[in-house]
C-alpha atoms as a PDB file:
ATOM      1  CA  MET A   1       6.509 -28.081 -22.536  1.00  0.00           C
ATOM      2  CA  ASN A   2       5.806 -29.169 -18.943  1.00  0.00           C
ATOM      3  CA  ASN A   3       8.938 -27.349 -17.695  1.00  0.00           C
ATOM      4  CA  ILE A   4       7.689 -24.068 -19.110  1.00  0.00           C
ATOM      5  CA  LYS A   5       4.416 -24.466 -17.179  1.00  0.00           C
ATOM      6  CA  THR A   6       6.363 -25.206 -13.984  1.00  0.00           C
ATOM      7  CA  VAL A   7       8.499 -22.068 -14.429  1.00  0.00           C
ATOM      8  CA  GLU A   8       5.380 -19.976 -15.028  1.00  0.00           C
ATOM      9  CA  ASP A   9       3.746 -21.412 -11.879  1.00  0.00           C
ATOM     10  CA  VAL A  10       6.861 -20.648  -9.814  1.00  0.00           C
ATOM     11  CA  GLU A  11       6.972 -17.064 -11.165  1.00  0.00           C
ATOM     12  CA  LYS A  12       3.317 -16.553 -10.331  1.00  0.00           C
ATOM     13  CA  ALA A  13       3.860 -17.892  -6.821  1.00  0.00           C
ATOM     14  CA  ASN A  14       6.887 -15.633  -6.312  1.00  0.00           C
ATOM     15  CA  ASN A  15       4.945 -12.611  -7.582  1.00  0.00           C
ATOM     16  CA  TYR A  16       2.032 -13.437  -5.268  1.00  0.00           C
ATOM     17  CA  ASN A  17       4.323 -13.910  -2.267  1.00  0.00           C
ATOM     18  CA  GLU A  18       6.082 -10.621  -2.986  1.00  0.00           C
ATOM     19  CA  LEU A  19       2.775  -8.832  -3.457  1.00  0.00           C
ATOM     20  CA  LYS A  20       1.388 -10.359  -0.232  1.00  0.00           C
ATOM     21  CA  PHE A  21       4.465  -9.303   1.760  1.00  0.00           C
ATOM     22  CA  ASN A  22       4.370  -5.755   0.348  1.00  0.00           C
ATOM     23  CA  ALA A  23       0.626  -5.458   0.999  1.00  0.00           C
ATOM     24  CA  GLU A  24       0.964  -6.642   4.623  1.00  0.00           C
ATOM     25  CA  TYR A  25       3.883  -4.245   5.233  1.00  0.00           C
ATOM     26  CA  HIS A  26       1.962  -1.350   3.634  1.00  0.00           C
ATOM     27  CA  ILE A  27      -1.103  -2.055   5.787  1.00  0.00           C
ATOM     28  CA  ASP A  28       1.055  -1.987   8.936  1.00  0.00           C
ATOM     29  CA  GLU A  29       2.653   1.297   7.879  1.00  0.00           C
ATOM     30  CA  CYS A  30      -0.694   2.920   7.145  1.00  0.00           C
ATOM     31  CA  ILE A  31      -2.249   1.722  10.408  1.00  0.00           C
ATOM     32  CA  THR A  32       0.742   2.986  12.412  1.00  0.00           C
ATOM     33  CA  LEU A  33       0.605   6.433  10.794  1.00  0.00           C
ATOM     34  CA  ARG A  34      -3.200   6.608  11.086  1.00  0.00           C
ATOM     35  CA  GLU A  35      -3.058   5.823  14.806  1.00  0.00           C
ATOM     36  CA  ARG A  36      -0.411   8.470  15.315  1.00  0.00           C
ATOM     37  CA  LEU A  37      -2.503  11.053  13.489  1.00  0.00           C
ATOM     38  CA  ILE A  38      -5.546  10.164  15.590  1.00  0.00           C
ATOM     39  CA  GLY A  39      -3.532  10.320  18.841  1.00  0.00           C
ATOM     40  CA  GLU A  40      -1.668  13.543  18.121  1.00  0.00           C
ATOM     41  CA  LYS A  41      -4.215  16.082  16.909  1.00  0.00           C
ATOM     42  CA  ASN A  42      -1.676  18.826  16.185  1.00  0.00           C
ATOM     43  CA  LEU A  43       0.690  16.661  14.205  1.00  0.00           C
ATOM     44  CA  LEU A  44       1.940  18.374  11.039  1.00  0.00           C
ATOM     45  CA  ILE A  45       2.623  16.171   8.026  1.00  0.00           C
ATOM     46  CA  LEU A  46       5.321  17.324   5.634  1.00  0.00           C
ATOM     47  CA  ALA A  47       5.420  15.882   2.106  1.00  0.00           C
ATOM     48  CA  ARG A  48       8.100  16.361  -0.506  1.00  0.00           C
ATOM     49  CA  VAL A  49       6.709  16.675  -4.005  1.00  0.00           C
ATOM     50  CA  ASN A  50       9.109  17.271  -6.868  1.00  0.00           C
ATOM     51  CA  GLY A  51      11.702  18.554  -4.424  1.00  0.00           C
ATOM     52  CA  VAL A  52       9.329  21.034  -2.796  1.00  0.00           C
ATOM     53  CA  GLU A  53       8.306  20.406   0.817  1.00  0.00           C
ATOM     54  CA  ILE A  54       4.704  21.175   1.697  1.00  0.00           C
ATOM     55  CA  GLY A  55       2.717  20.889   4.911  1.00  0.00           C
ATOM     56  CA  LEU A  56      -0.516  18.949   4.880  1.00  0.00           C
ATOM     57  CA  CYS A  57      -2.978  20.536   7.287  1.00  0.00           C
ATOM     58  CA  ASP A  58      -6.079  18.412   6.788  1.00  0.00           C
ATOM     59  CA  ASN A  59      -5.289  15.422   8.958  1.00  0.00           C
ATOM     60  CA  GLU A  60      -8.833  14.075   8.623  1.00  0.00           C
ATOM     61  CA  LYS A  61      -8.463  13.905   4.841  1.00  0.00           C
ATOM     62  CA  PHE A  62      -5.090  12.213   5.222  1.00  0.00           C
ATOM     63  CA  ILE A  63      -6.645   9.634   7.575  1.00  0.00           C
ATOM     64  CA  GLU A  64      -9.299   9.022   4.920  1.00  0.00           C
ATOM     65  CA  LEU A  65      -6.585   8.452   2.327  1.00  0.00           C
ATOM     66  CA  LEU A  66      -4.775   6.031   4.675  1.00  0.00           C
ATOM     67  CA  ASN A  67      -8.027   4.115   5.204  1.00  0.00           C
ATOM     68  CA  ASN A  68      -8.408   3.808   1.452  1.00  0.00           C
ATOM     69  CA  GLU A  69      -4.801   2.548   1.140  1.00  0.00           C
ATOM     70  CA  ILE A  70      -5.513  -0.082   3.814  1.00  0.00           C
ATOM     71  CA  LYS A  71      -8.689  -1.144   1.981  1.00  0.00           C
ATOM     72  CA  GLN A  72      -6.881  -1.518  -1.361  1.00  0.00           C
ATOM     73  CA  ALA A  73      -3.996  -3.492   0.173  1.00  0.00           C
ATOM     74  CA  LYS A  74      -6.465  -5.835   1.901  1.00  0.00           C
ATOM     75  CA  LEU A  75      -8.231  -6.413  -1.441  1.00  0.00           C
ATOM     76  CA  CYS A  76      -4.820  -7.361  -2.751  1.00  0.00           C
ATOM     77  CA  LEU A  77      -4.474 -10.006  -0.023  1.00  0.00           C
ATOM     78  CA  GLU A  78      -7.851 -11.392  -1.041  1.00  0.00           C
ATOM     79  CA  SER A  79      -6.738 -11.624  -4.692  1.00  0.00           C
ATOM     80  CA  LYS A  80      -9.429  -9.159  -5.758  1.00  0.00           C
ATOM     81  CA  PRO A  81      -8.890  -6.381  -8.307  1.00  0.00           C
ATOM     82  CA  ASN A  82      -7.234  -3.461  -6.543  1.00  0.00           C
ATOM     83  CA  LYS A  83      -5.205  -0.300  -7.103  1.00  0.00           C
ATOM     84  CA  PHE A  84      -2.353  -1.422  -4.810  1.00  0.00           C
ATOM     85  CA  ALA A  85      -1.312  -4.293  -7.080  1.00  0.00           C
ATOM     86  CA  LYS A  86      -1.611  -2.123 -10.179  1.00  0.00           C
ATOM     87  CA  PHE A  87       0.606   0.502  -8.595  1.00  0.00           C
ATOM     88  CA  LEU A  88       3.129  -2.027  -7.277  1.00  0.00           C
ATOM     89  CA  PHE A  89       3.519  -3.793 -10.633  1.00  0.00           C
ATOM     90  CA  CYS A  90       3.099  -0.587 -12.668  1.00  0.00           C
ATOM     91  CA  MET A  91       0.198  -2.089 -14.618  1.00  0.00           C
END
């Protein structure tokens, strides 16, 4: 019975480490993109949705979305309920 508990603890630690790594990487990506958007006012963002490419014109709204992504990933690092972990583990 003790071996099962050890395996569960190792799996939890591995999941947390993976989640922490992904959250830190995601935060860095979002900050980098946000800074680029702030620095280059005329930057056009192209997104591919269901095979269709669209241009996103409202950079301020996109910056707001990036800030929210950063906030959610930071909550993940603090082991608080967050949307980033739910998305990552498809909960």
